[in-house]
Amino acid sequence: MPAYPSAGGQPPNVGQGGFFAALFDFSFGSFVTPKIVKLVSVLATIALALFYVVFVIAAFSNSAGAGVLVLLVGAVVALVYLAVIRMTLEFYFAIVRMSQDINERLPRR
């Protein structure tokens, strides 16, 4: 049994190839997570900010009191969601990093 069954007995190509090469590598010989984690973080931040703005506008269209409440409480909620998104992405990134380190330290067969 090869040491690296997903890549035909070879260690994963961690830094080789581009984003699309890693994304469409159906042998799973390279990790795509380190390449996309920054993009996903930026997109999640933009989406969260847009949702926040839409909710604030919708609340102000109902009443000024609801608008102020959503403006204040919504900012705290948005920051909590942003922190959860960041922690989740860091968790996935850490798992991939551990896998990379383990694969580098395994004896080659």
PDB file of N, CA and C in Angstrom:
ATOM      1  N   MET A   1       0.843  -1.187   0.000  1.00  0.00           N
ATOM      2  CA  MET A   1       0.000   0.000   0.000  1.00  0.00           C
ATOM      3  C   MET A   1       0.880   1.240   0.000  1.00  0.00           C
ATOM      4  N   PRO A   2       0.682   2.168  -0.963  1.00  0.00           N
ATOM      5  CA  PRO A   2       1.527   3.349  -1.022  1.00  0.00           C
ATOM      6  C   PRO A   2       1.305   4.280   0.163  1.00  0.00           C
ATOM      7  N   ALA A   3       2.331   5.047   0.484  1.00  0.00           N
ATOM      8  CA  ALA A   3       2.247   5.981   1.608  1.00  0.00           C
ATOM      9  C   ALA A   3       1.266   7.112   1.333  1.00  0.00           C
ATOM     10  N   TYR A   4       1.069   7.456   0.056  1.00  0.00           N
ATOM     11  CA  TYR A   4       0.175   8.534  -0.335  1.00  0.00           C
ATOM     12  C   TYR A   4      -0.817   8.003  -1.369  1.00  0.00           C
ATOM     13  N   PRO A   5      -1.885   7.348  -0.916  1.00  0.00           N
ATOM     14  CA  PRO A   5      -2.776   6.712  -1.867  1.00  0.00           C
ATOM     15  C   PRO A   5      -3.500   7.684  -2.790  1.00  0.00           C
ATOM     16  N   SER A   6      -3.742   8.915  -2.333  1.00  0.00           N
ATOM     17  CA  SER A   6      -4.521   9.828  -3.171  1.00  0.00           C
ATOM     18  C   SER A   6      -3.704  10.388  -4.324  1.00  0.00           C
ATOM     19  N   ALA A   7      -2.396  10.340  -4.241  1.00  0.00           N
ATOM     20  CA  ALA A   7      -1.562  10.927  -5.284  1.00  0.00           C
ATOM     21  C   ALA A   7      -0.696   9.867  -5.954  1.00  0.00           C
ATOM     22  N   GLY A   8      -1.131   8.631  -5.945  1.00  0.00           N
ATOM     23  CA  GLY A   8      -0.398   7.582  -6.629  1.00  0.00           C
ATOM     24  C   GLY A   8       0.947   7.291  -6.008  1.00  0.00           C
ATOM     25  N   GLY A   9       1.037   7.350  -4.686  1.00  0.00           N
ATOM     26  CA  GLY A   9       2.292   7.048  -4.011  1.00  0.00           C
ATOM     27  C   GLY A   9       3.210   8.237  -3.852  1.00  0.00           C
ATOM     28  N   GLN A  10       2.818   9.394  -4.316  1.00  0.00           N
ATOM     29  CA  GLN A  10       3.636  10.599  -4.212  1.00  0.00           C
ATOM     30  C   GLN A  10       3.026  11.555  -3.203  1.00  0.00           C
ATOM     31  N   PRO A  11       3.861  12.361  -2.523  1.00  0.00           N
ATOM     32  CA  PRO A  11       3.304  13.345  -1.593  1.00  0.00           C
ATOM     33  C   PRO A  11       2.528  14.408  -2.357  1.00  0.00           C
ATOM     34  N   PRO A  12       1.545  15.027  -1.715  1.00  0.00           N
ATOM     35  CA  PRO A  12       0.777  16.069  -2.385  1.00  0.00           C
ATOM     36  C   PRO A  12       1.661  17.223  -2.822  1.00  0.00           C
ATOM     37  N   ASN A  13       1.352  17.792  -3.971  1.00  0.00           N
ATOM     38  CA  ASN A  13       2.071  18.952  -4.487  1.00  0.00           C
ATOM     39  C   ASN A  13       1.510  20.185  -3.817  1.00  0.00           C
ATOM     40  N   VAL A  14       2.124  20.565  -2.727  1.00  0.00           N
ATOM     41  CA  VAL A  14       1.562  21.615  -1.892  1.00  0.00           C
ATOM     42  C   VAL A  14       1.604  22.962  -2.587  1.00  0.00           C
ATOM     43  N   GLY A  15       2.717  23.365  -3.125  1.00  0.00           N
ATOM     44  CA  GLY A  15       2.824  24.695  -3.680  1.00  0.00           C
ATOM     45  C   GLY A  15       2.878  24.723  -5.194  1.00  0.00           C
ATOM     46  N   GLN A  16       2.716  23.609  -5.867  1.00  0.00           N
ATOM     47  CA  GLN A  16       2.853  23.565  -7.306  1.00  0.00           C
ATOM     48  C   GLN A  16       1.528  23.831  -7.983  1.00  0.00           C
ATOM     49  N   GLY A  17       1.596  24.458  -9.158  1.00  0.00           N
ATOM     50  CA  GLY A  17       0.387  24.732  -9.918  1.00  0.00           C
ATOM     51  C   GLY A  17      -0.340  25.941  -9.393  1.00  0.00           C
ATOM     52  N   GLY A  18      -1.327  26.359 -10.154  1.00  0.00           N
ATOM     53  CA  GLY A  18      -2.114  27.511  -9.762  1.00  0.00           C
ATOM     54  C   GLY A  18      -3.404  27.104  -9.091  1.00  0.00           C
ATOM     55  N   PHE A  19      -4.251  28.100  -8.944  1.00  0.00           N
ATOM     56  CA  PHE A  19      -5.530  27.884  -8.278  1.00  0.00           C
ATOM     57  C   PHE A  19      -6.392  26.890  -9.045  1.00  0.00           C
ATOM     58  N   PHE A  20      -6.542  27.111 -10.355  1.00  0.00           N
ATOM     59  CA  PHE A  20      -7.418  26.235 -11.138  1.00  0.00           C
ATOM     60  C   PHE A  20      -6.822  24.845 -11.300  1.00  0.00           C
ATOM     61  N   ALA A  21      -5.487  24.746 -11.351  1.00  0.00           N
ATOM     62  CA  ALA A  21      -4.850  23.433 -11.415  1.00  0.00           C
ATOM     63  C   ALA A  21      -5.147  22.641 -10.151  1.00  0.00           C
ATOM     64  N   ALA A  22      -5.096  23.296  -9.002  1.00  0.00           N
ATOM     65  CA  ALA A  22      -5.397  22.621  -7.741  1.00  0.00           C
ATOM     66  C   ALA A  22      -6.890  22.326  -7.607  1.00  0.00           C
ATOM     67  N   LEU A  23      -7.729  23.234  -8.105  1.00  0.00           N
ATOM     68  CA  LEU A  23      -9.167  23.058  -7.989  1.00  0.00           C
ATOM     69  C   LEU A  23      -9.670  21.876  -8.807  1.00  0.00           C
ATOM     70  N   PHE A  24      -9.085  21.682  -9.983  1.00  0.00           N
ATOM     71  CA  PHE A  24      -9.524  20.600 -10.858  1.00  0.00           C
ATOM     72  C   PHE A  24      -8.581  19.409 -10.840  1.00  0.00           C
ATOM     73  N   ASP A  25      -7.806  19.253  -9.780  1.00  0.00           N
ATOM     74  CA  ASP A  25      -6.941  18.086  -9.599  1.00  0.00           C
ATOM     75  C   ASP A  25      -7.767  16.988  -8.944  1.00  0.00           C
ATOM     76  N   PHE A  26      -8.346  16.124  -9.762  1.00  0.00           N
ATOM     77  CA  PHE A  26      -9.263  15.109  -9.249  1.00  0.00           C
ATOM     78  C   PHE A  26      -8.536  13.937  -8.593  1.00  0.00           C
ATOM     79  N   SER A  27      -7.217  13.921  -8.650  1.00  0.00           N
ATOM     80  CA  SER A  27      -6.464  12.903  -7.915  1.00  0.00           C
ATOM     81  C   SER A  27      -6.152  13.387  -6.504  1.00  0.00           C
ATOM     82  N   PHE A  28      -6.537  14.628  -6.204  1.00  0.00           N
ATOM     83  CA  PHE A  28      -6.305  15.246  -4.893  1.00  0.00           C
ATOM     84  C   PHE A  28      -4.829  15.208  -4.519  1.00  0.00           C
ATOM     85  N   GLY A  29      -3.990  15.534  -5.482  1.00  0.00           N
ATOM     86  CA  GLY A  29      -2.557  15.560  -5.262  1.00  0.00           C
ATOM     87  C   GLY A  29      -2.050  16.908  -4.788  1.00  0.00           C
ATOM     88  N   SER A  30      -2.912  17.911  -4.725  1.00  0.00           N
ATOM     89  CA  SER A  30      -2.504  19.220  -4.215  1.00  0.00           C
ATOM     90  C   SER A  30      -3.627  19.793  -3.362  1.00  0.00           C
ATOM     91  N   PHE A  31      -3.246  20.657  -2.439  1.00  0.00           N
ATOM     92  CA  PHE A  31      -4.203  21.264  -1.530  1.00  0.00           C
ATOM     93  C   PHE A  31      -4.684  22.587  -2.114  1.00  0.00           C
ATOM     94  N   VAL A  32      -5.995  22.781  -2.143  1.00  0.00           N
ATOM     95  CA  VAL A  32      -6.557  24.018  -2.666  1.00  0.00           C
ATOM     96  C   VAL A  32      -6.887  24.997  -1.535  1.00  0.00           C
ATOM     97  N   THR A  33      -7.040  24.515  -0.333  1.00  0.00           N
ATOM     98  CA  THR A  33      -7.440  25.366   0.790  1.00  0.00           C
ATOM     99  C   THR A  33      -6.492  26.543   1.016  1.00  0.00           C
ATOM    100  N   PRO A  34      -5.164  26.343   1.033  1.00  0.00           N
ATOM    101  CA  PRO A  34      -4.295  27.514   1.238  1.00  0.00           C
ATOM    102  C   PRO A  34      -4.407  28.548   0.127  1.00  0.00           C
ATOM    103  N   LYS A  35      -4.825  28.104  -1.054  1.00  0.00           N
ATOM    104  CA  LYS A  35      -4.923  29.032  -2.173  1.00  0.00           C
ATOM    105  C   LYS A  35      -6.209  29.847  -2.142  1.00  0.00           C
ATOM    106  N   ILE A  36      -7.277  29.331  -1.525  1.00  0.00           N
ATOM    107  CA  ILE A  36      -8.558  30.026  -1.595  1.00  0.00           C
ATOM    108  C   ILE A  36      -9.010  30.633  -0.277  1.00  0.00           C
ATOM    109  N   VAL A  37      -8.296  30.372   0.805  1.00  0.00           N
ATOM    110  CA  VAL A  37      -8.770  30.840   2.109  1.00  0.00           C
ATOM    111  C   VAL A  37      -8.828  32.373   2.170  1.00  0.00           C
ATOM    112  N   LYS A  38      -7.901  33.062   1.542  1.00  0.00           N
ATOM    113  CA  LYS A  38      -7.928  34.530   1.536  1.00  0.00           C
ATOM    114  C   LYS A  38      -9.112  35.040   0.724  1.00  0.00           C
ATOM    115  N   LEU A  39      -9.343  34.428  -0.424  1.00  0.00           N
ATOM    116  CA  LEU A  39     -10.458  34.835  -1.276  1.00  0.00           C
ATOM    117  C   LEU A  39     -11.791  34.613  -0.570  1.00  0.00           C
ATOM    118  N   VAL A  40     -11.957  33.478   0.063  1.00  0.00           N
ATOM    119  CA  VAL A  40     -13.200  33.184   0.775  1.00  0.00           C
ATOM    120  C   VAL A  40     -13.395  34.167   1.920  1.00  0.00           C
ATOM    121  N   SER A  41     -12.333  34.516   2.605  1.00  0.00           N
ATOM    122  CA  SER A  41     -12.430  35.478   3.708  1.00  0.00           C
ATOM    123  C   SER A  41     -12.875  36.850   3.206  1.00  0.00           C
ATOM    124  N   VAL A  42     -12.306  37.310   2.116  1.00  0.00           N
ATOM    125  CA  VAL A  42     -12.681  38.607   1.554  1.00  0.00           C
ATOM    126  C   VAL A  42     -14.129  38.582   1.077  1.00  0.00           C
ATOM    127  N   LEU A  43     -14.519  37.521   0.375  1.00  0.00           N
ATOM    128  CA  LEU A  43     -15.896  37.422  -0.115  1.00  0.00           C
ATOM    129  C   LEU A  43     -16.905  37.361   1.034  1.00  0.00           C
ATOM    130  N   ALA A  44     -16.569  36.631   2.089  1.00  0.00           N
ATOM    131  CA  ALA A  44     -17.462  36.546   3.241  1.00  0.00           C
ATOM    132  C   ALA A  44     -17.595  37.901   3.936  1.00  0.00           C
ATOM    133  N   THR A  45     -16.512  38.642   4.034  1.00  0.00           N
ATOM    134  CA  THR A  45     -16.551  39.966   4.651  1.00  0.00           C
ATOM    135  C   THR A  45     -17.415  40.927   3.825  1.00  0.00           C
ATOM    136  N   ILE A  46     -17.245  40.883   2.508  1.00  0.00           N
ATOM    137  CA  ILE A  46     -18.046  41.747   1.634  1.00  0.00           C
ATOM    138  C   ILE A  46     -19.525  41.385   1.723  1.00  0.00           C
ATOM    139  N   ALA A  47     -19.829  40.089   1.682  1.00  0.00           N
ATOM    140  CA  ALA A  47     -21.223  39.645   1.762  1.00  0.00           C
ATOM    141  C   ALA A  47     -21.850  40.041   3.094  1.00  0.00           C
ATOM    142  N   LEU A  48     -21.104  39.887   4.172  1.00  0.00           N
ATOM    143  CA  LEU A  48     -21.614  40.256   5.486  1.00  0.00           C
ATOM    144  C   LEU A  48     -21.877  41.757   5.571  1.00  0.00           C
ATOM    145  N   ALA A  49     -20.976  42.550   5.023  1.00  0.00           N
ATOM    146  CA  ALA A  49     -21.169  44.003   5.030  1.00  0.00           C
ATOM    147  C   ALA A  49     -22.390  44.400   4.205  1.00  0.00           C
ATOM    148  N   LEU A  50     -22.575  43.761   3.061  1.00  0.00           N
ATOM    149  CA  LEU A  50     -23.750  44.065   2.229  1.00  0.00           C
ATOM    150  C   LEU A  50     -25.051  43.696   2.933  1.00  0.00           C
ATOM    151  N   PHE A  51     -25.078  42.525   3.565  1.00  0.00           N
ATOM    152  CA  PHE A  51     -26.279  42.129   4.312  1.00  0.00           C
ATOM    153  C   PHE A  51     -26.570  43.114   5.439  1.00  0.00           C
ATOM    154  N   TYR A  52     -25.529  43.555   6.126  1.00  0.00           N
ATOM    155  CA  TYR A  52     -25.700  44.501   7.216  1.00  0.00           C
ATOM    156  C   TYR A  52     -26.309  45.813   6.697  1.00  0.00           C
ATOM    157  N   VAL A  53     -25.773  46.328   5.610  1.00  0.00           N
ATOM    158  CA  VAL A  53     -26.277  47.578   5.040  1.00  0.00           C
ATOM    159  C   VAL A  53     -27.739  47.425   4.608  1.00  0.00           C
ATOM    160  N   VAL A  54     -28.063  46.292   3.981  1.00  0.00           N
ATOM    161  CA  VAL A  54     -29.439  46.053   3.539  1.00  0.00           C
ATOM    162  C   VAL A  54     -30.383  45.996   4.739  1.00  0.00           C
ATOM    163  N   PHE A  55     -29.982  45.318   5.802  1.00  0.00           N
ATOM    164  CA  PHE A  55     -30.834  45.235   6.994  1.00  0.00           C
ATOM    165  C   PHE A  55     -31.009  46.595   7.655  1.00  0.00           C
ATOM    166  N   VAL A  56     -29.958  47.401   7.683  1.00  0.00           N
ATOM    167  CA  VAL A  56     -30.065  48.733   8.275  1.00  0.00           C
ATOM    168  C   VAL A  56     -31.026  49.593   7.457  1.00  0.00           C
ATOM    169  N   ILE A  57     -30.899  49.558   6.142  1.00  0.00           N
ATOM    170  CA  ILE A  57     -31.800  50.331   5.284  1.00  0.00           C
ATOM    171  C   ILE A  57     -33.241  49.865   5.452  1.00  0.00           C
ATOM    172  N   ALA A  58     -33.444  48.539   5.499  1.00  0.00           N
ATOM    173  CA  ALA A  58     -34.798  48.008   5.676  1.00  0.00           C
ATOM    174  C   ALA A  58     -35.373  48.409   7.030  1.00  0.00           C
ATOM    175  N   ALA A  59     -34.545  48.417   8.058  1.00  0.00           N
ATOM    176  CA  ALA A  59     -35.037  48.795   9.390  1.00  0.00           C
ATOM    177  C   ALA A  59     -35.383  50.275   9.441  1.00  0.00           C
ATOM    178  N   PHE A  60     -34.555  51.133   8.832  1.00  0.00           N
ATOM    179  CA  PHE A  60     -34.863  52.558   8.817  1.00  0.00           C
ATOM    180  C   PHE A  60     -36.099  52.864   7.978  1.00  0.00           C
ATOM    181  N   SER A  61     -36.390  52.022   7.001  1.00  0.00           N
ATOM    182  CA  SER A  61     -37.590  52.266   6.196  1.00  0.00           C
ATOM    183  C   SER A  61     -38.860  51.972   6.999  1.00  0.00           C
ATOM    184  N   ASN A  62     -38.744  51.123   8.029  1.00  0.00           N
ATOM    185  CA  ASN A  62     -39.895  50.846   8.901  1.00  0.00           C
ATOM    186  C   ASN A  62     -40.089  51.953   9.934  1.00  0.00           C
ATOM    187  N   SER A  63     -39.013  52.232  10.690  1.00  0.00           N
ATOM    188  CA  SER A  63     -39.078  53.312  11.680  1.00  0.00           C
ATOM    189  C   SER A  63     -37.662  53.696  12.084  1.00  0.00           C
ATOM    190  N   ALA A  64     -37.543  54.901  12.618  1.00  0.00           N
ATOM    191  CA  ALA A  64     -36.224  55.385  13.032  1.00  0.00           C
ATOM    192  C   ALA A  64     -35.697  54.603  14.228  1.00  0.00           C
ATOM    193  N   GLY A  65     -36.588  54.237  15.142  1.00  0.00           N
ATOM    194  CA  GLY A  65     -36.165  53.468  16.319  1.00  0.00           C
ATOM    195  C   GLY A  65     -35.639  52.100  15.943  1.00  0.00           C
ATOM    196  N   ALA A  66     -36.331  51.432  15.029  1.00  0.00           N
ATOM    197  CA  ALA A  66     -35.861  50.122  14.572  1.00  0.00           C
ATOM    198  C   ALA A  66     -34.543  50.253  13.825  1.00  0.00           C
ATOM    199  N   GLY A  67     -34.405  51.346  13.067  1.00  0.00           N
ATOM    200  CA  GLY A  67     -33.160  51.577  12.338  1.00  0.00           C
ATOM    201  C   GLY A  67     -31.972  51.759  13.252  1.00  0.00           C
ATOM    202  N   VAL A  68     -32.155  52.548  14.298  1.00  0.00           N
ATOM    203  CA  VAL A  68     -31.069  52.776  15.259  1.00  0.00           C
ATOM    204  C   VAL A  68     -30.729  51.480  15.999  1.00  0.00           C
ATOM    205  N   LEU A  69     -31.763  50.725  16.362  1.00  0.00           N
ATOM    206  CA  LEU A  69     -31.533  49.455  17.044  1.00  0.00           C
ATOM    207  C   LEU A  69     -30.749  48.480  16.166  1.00  0.00           C
ATOM    208  N   VAL A  70     -31.156  48.357  14.920  1.00  0.00           N
ATOM    209  CA  VAL A  70     -30.452  47.461  14.002  1.00  0.00           C
ATOM    210  C   VAL A  70     -29.047  47.990  13.714  1.00  0.00           C
ATOM    211  N   LEU A  71     -28.898  49.284  13.650  1.00  0.00           N
ATOM    212  CA  LEU A  71     -27.586  49.878  13.414  1.00  0.00           C
ATOM    213  C   LEU A  71     -26.613  49.522  14.529  1.00  0.00           C
ATOM    214  N   LEU A  72     -27.064  49.579  15.767  1.00  0.00           N
ATOM    215  CA  LEU A  72     -26.181  49.288  16.901  1.00  0.00           C
ATOM    216  C   LEU A  72     -26.012  47.794  17.150  1.00  0.00           C
ATOM    217  N   VAL A  73     -27.124  47.097  17.261  1.00  0.00           N
ATOM    218  CA  VAL A  73     -27.057  45.668  17.565  1.00  0.00           C
ATOM    219  C   VAL A  73     -26.531  44.884  16.364  1.00  0.00           C
ATOM    220  N   GLY A  74     -26.906  45.327  15.179  1.00  0.00           N
ATOM    221  CA  GLY A  74     -26.473  44.636  13.974  1.00  0.00           C
ATOM    222  C   GLY A  74     -24.967  44.670  13.780  1.00  0.00           C
ATOM    223  N   ALA A  75     -24.346  45.770  14.200  1.00  0.00           N
ATOM    224  CA  ALA A  75     -22.884  45.860  14.089  1.00  0.00           C
ATOM    225  C   ALA A  75     -22.210  44.820  14.969  1.00  0.00           C
ATOM    226  N   VAL A  76     -22.723  44.632  16.172  1.00  0.00           N
ATOM    227  CA  VAL A  76     -22.156  43.632  17.085  1.00  0.00           C
ATOM    228  C   VAL A  76     -22.371  42.225  16.515  1.00  0.00           C
ATOM    229  N   VAL A  77     -23.567  41.971  16.010  1.00  0.00           N
ATOM    230  CA  VAL A  77     -23.871  40.659  15.430  1.00  0.00           C
ATOM    231  C   VAL A  77     -22.987  40.401  14.208  1.00  0.00           C
ATOM    232  N   ALA A  78     -22.801  41.419  13.384  1.00  0.00           N
ATOM    233  CA  ALA A  78     -21.955  41.266  12.200  1.00  0.00           C
ATOM    234  C   ALA A  78     -20.509  40.955  12.596  1.00  0.00           C
ATOM    235  N   LEU A  79     -20.018  41.609  13.634  1.00  0.00           N
ATOM    236  CA  LEU A  79     -18.654  41.328  14.098  1.00  0.00           C
ATOM    237  C   LEU A  79     -18.531  39.911  14.650  1.00  0.00           C
ATOM    238  N   VAL A  80     -19.551  39.439  15.345  1.00  0.00           N
ATOM    239  CA  VAL A  80     -19.527  38.058  15.859  1.00  0.00           C
ATOM    240  C   VAL A  80     -19.515  37.076  14.699  1.00  0.00           C
ATOM    241  N   TYR A  81     -20.376  37.308  13.696  1.00  0.00           N
ATOM    242  CA  TYR A  81     -20.389  36.432  12.525  1.00  0.00           C
ATOM    243  C   TYR A  81     -19.050  36.456  11.804  1.00  0.00           C
ATOM    244  N   LEU A  82     -18.460  37.628  11.679  1.00  0.00           N
ATOM    245  CA  LEU A  82     -17.157  37.739  11.031  1.00  0.00           C
ATOM    246  C   LEU A  82     -16.089  36.963  11.802  1.00  0.00           C
ATOM    247  N   ALA A  83     -16.138  37.028  13.128  1.00  0.00           N
ATOM    248  CA  ALA A  83     -15.187  36.269  13.943  1.00  0.00           C
ATOM    249  C   ALA A  83     -15.389  34.766  13.773  1.00  0.00           C
ATOM    250  N   VAL A  84     -16.639  34.327  13.711  1.00  0.00           N
ATOM    251  CA  VAL A  84     -16.919  32.892  13.520  1.00  0.00           C
ATOM    252  C   VAL A  84     -16.436  32.427  12.156  1.00  0.00           C
ATOM    253  N   ILE A  85     -16.662  33.243  11.134  1.00  0.00           N
ATOM    254  CA  ILE A  85     -16.182  32.892   9.794  1.00  0.00           C
ATOM    255  C   ILE A  85     -14.665  32.795   9.794  1.00  0.00           C
ATOM    256  N   ARG A  86     -14.012  33.756  10.416  1.00  0.00           N
ATOM    257  CA  ARG A  86     -12.545  33.761  10.466  1.00  0.00           C
ATOM    258  C   ARG A  86     -12.017  32.531  11.219  1.00  0.00           C
ATOM    259  N   MET A  87     -12.625  32.205  12.346  1.00  0.00           N
ATOM    260  CA  MET A  87     -12.173  31.038  13.118  1.00  0.00           C
ATOM    261  C   MET A  87     -12.386  29.743  12.339  1.00  0.00           C
ATOM    262  N   THR A  88     -13.485  29.653  11.612  1.00  0.00           N
ATOM    263  CA  THR A  88     -13.748  28.461  10.818  1.00  0.00           C
ATOM    264  C   THR A  88     -12.717  28.317   9.706  1.00  0.00           C
ATOM    265  N   LEU A  89     -12.422  29.401   9.017  1.00  0.00           N
ATOM    266  CA  LEU A  89     -11.410  29.349   7.962  1.00  0.00           C
ATOM    267  C   LEU A  89     -10.033  29.022   8.529  1.00  0.00           C
ATOM    268  N   GLU A  90      -9.694  29.578   9.677  1.00  0.00           N
ATOM    269  CA  GLU A  90      -8.414  29.263  10.310  1.00  0.00           C
ATOM    270  C   GLU A  90      -8.348  27.798  10.714  1.00  0.00           C
ATOM    271  N   PHE A  91      -9.462  27.243  11.165  1.00  0.00           N
ATOM    272  CA  PHE A  91      -9.513  25.827  11.521  1.00  0.00           C
ATOM    273  C   PHE A  91      -9.215  24.956  10.301  1.00  0.00           C
ATOM    274  N   TYR A  92      -9.894  25.228   9.189  1.00  0.00           N
ATOM    275  CA  TYR A  92      -9.647  24.457   7.972  1.00  0.00           C
ATOM    276  C   TYR A  92      -8.207  24.607   7.504  1.00  0.00           C
ATOM    277  N   PHE A  93      -7.699  25.821   7.567  1.00  0.00           N
ATOM    278  CA  PHE A  93      -6.322  26.075   7.145  1.00  0.00           C
ATOM    279  C   PHE A  93      -5.328  25.338   8.039  1.00  0.00           C
ATOM    280  N   ALA A  94      -5.595  25.309   9.348  1.00  0.00           N
ATOM    281  CA  ALA A  94      -4.710  24.604  10.271  1.00  0.00           C
ATOM    282  C   ALA A  94      -4.713  23.101  10.014  1.00  0.00           C
ATOM    283  N   ILE A  95      -5.865  22.542   9.690  1.00  0.00           N
ATOM    284  CA  ILE A  95      -5.939  21.113   9.384  1.00  0.00           C
ATOM    285  C   ILE A  95      -5.098  20.790   8.150  1.00  0.00           C
ATOM    286  N   VAL A  96      -5.188  21.636   7.128  1.00  0.00           N
ATOM    287  CA  VAL A  96      -4.401  21.419   5.916  1.00  0.00           C
ATOM    288  C   VAL A  96      -2.917  21.566   6.217  1.00  0.00           C
ATOM    289  N   ARG A  97      -2.563  22.551   7.019  1.00  0.00           N
ATOM    290  CA  ARG A  97      -1.152  22.725   7.388  1.00  0.00           C
ATOM    291  C   ARG A  97      -0.616  21.514   8.153  1.00  0.00           C
ATOM    292  N   MET A  98      -1.432  20.980   9.058  1.00  0.00           N
ATOM    293  CA  MET A  98      -1.006  19.782   9.788  1.00  0.00           C
ATOM    294  C   MET A  98      -0.805  18.621   8.823  1.00  0.00           C
ATOM    295  N   SER A  99      -1.697  18.475   7.878  1.00  0.00           N
ATOM    296  CA  SER A  99      -1.575  17.416   6.877  1.00  0.00           C
ATOM    297  C   SER A  99      -0.303  17.597   6.056  1.00  0.00           C
ATOM    298  N   GLN A 100      -0.006  18.823   5.677  1.00  0.00           N
ATOM    299  CA  GLN A 100       1.226  19.092   4.930  1.00  0.00           C
ATOM    300  C   GLN A 100       2.457  18.706   5.755  1.00  0.00           C
ATOM    301  N   ASP A 101       2.473  19.093   7.019  1.00  0.00           N
ATOM    302  CA  ASP A 101       3.608  18.776   7.882  1.00  0.00           C
ATOM    303  C   ASP A 101       3.757  17.275   8.078  1.00  0.00           C
ATOM    304  N   ILE A 102       2.648  16.587   8.272  1.00  0.00           N
ATOM    305  CA  ILE A 102       2.698  15.136   8.457  1.00  0.00           C
ATOM    306  C   ILE A 102       3.229  14.463   7.196  1.00  0.00           C
ATOM    307  N   ASN A 103       2.752  14.908   6.027  1.00  0.00           N
ATOM    308  CA  ASN A 103       3.209  14.310   4.775  1.00  0.00           C
ATOM    309  C   ASN A 103       4.690  14.566   4.531  1.00  0.00           C
ATOM    310  N   GLU A 104       5.202  15.702   4.971  1.00  0.00           N
ATOM    311  CA  GLU A 104       6.624  15.998   4.808  1.00  0.00           C
ATOM    312  C   GLU A 104       7.479  15.143   5.743  1.00  0.00           C
ATOM    313  N   ARG A 105       6.950  14.778   6.882  1.00  0.00           N
ATOM    314  CA  ARG A 105       7.732  14.042   7.873  1.00  0.00           C
ATOM    315  C   ARG A 105       7.635  12.532   7.725  1.00  0.00           C
ATOM    316  N   LEU A 106       6.678  12.057   6.955  1.00  0.00           N
ATOM    317  CA  LEU A 106       6.545  10.602   6.761  1.00  0.00           C
ATOM    318  C   LEU A 106       7.738  10.077   5.987  1.00  0.00           C
ATOM    319  N   PRO A 107       8.205   8.896   6.344  1.00  0.00           N
ATOM    320  CA  PRO A 107       9.306   8.324   5.557  1.00  0.00           C
ATOM    321  C   PRO A 107       8.814   7.969   4.151  1.00  0.00           C
ATOM    322  N   ARG A 108       9.645   8.236   3.160  1.00  0.00           N
ATOM    323  CA  ARG A 108       9.315   7.955   1.767  1.00  0.00           C
ATOM    324  C   ARG A 108       9.498   6.459   1.501  1.00  0.00           C
ATOM    325  N   ARG A 109       8.561   5.883   0.797  1.00  0.00           N
ATOM    326  CA  ARG A 109       8.667   4.447   0.442  1.00  0.00           C
ATOM    327  C   ARG A 109       8.900   4.301  -1.025  1.00  0.00           C
TER     328      ARG A 109
END
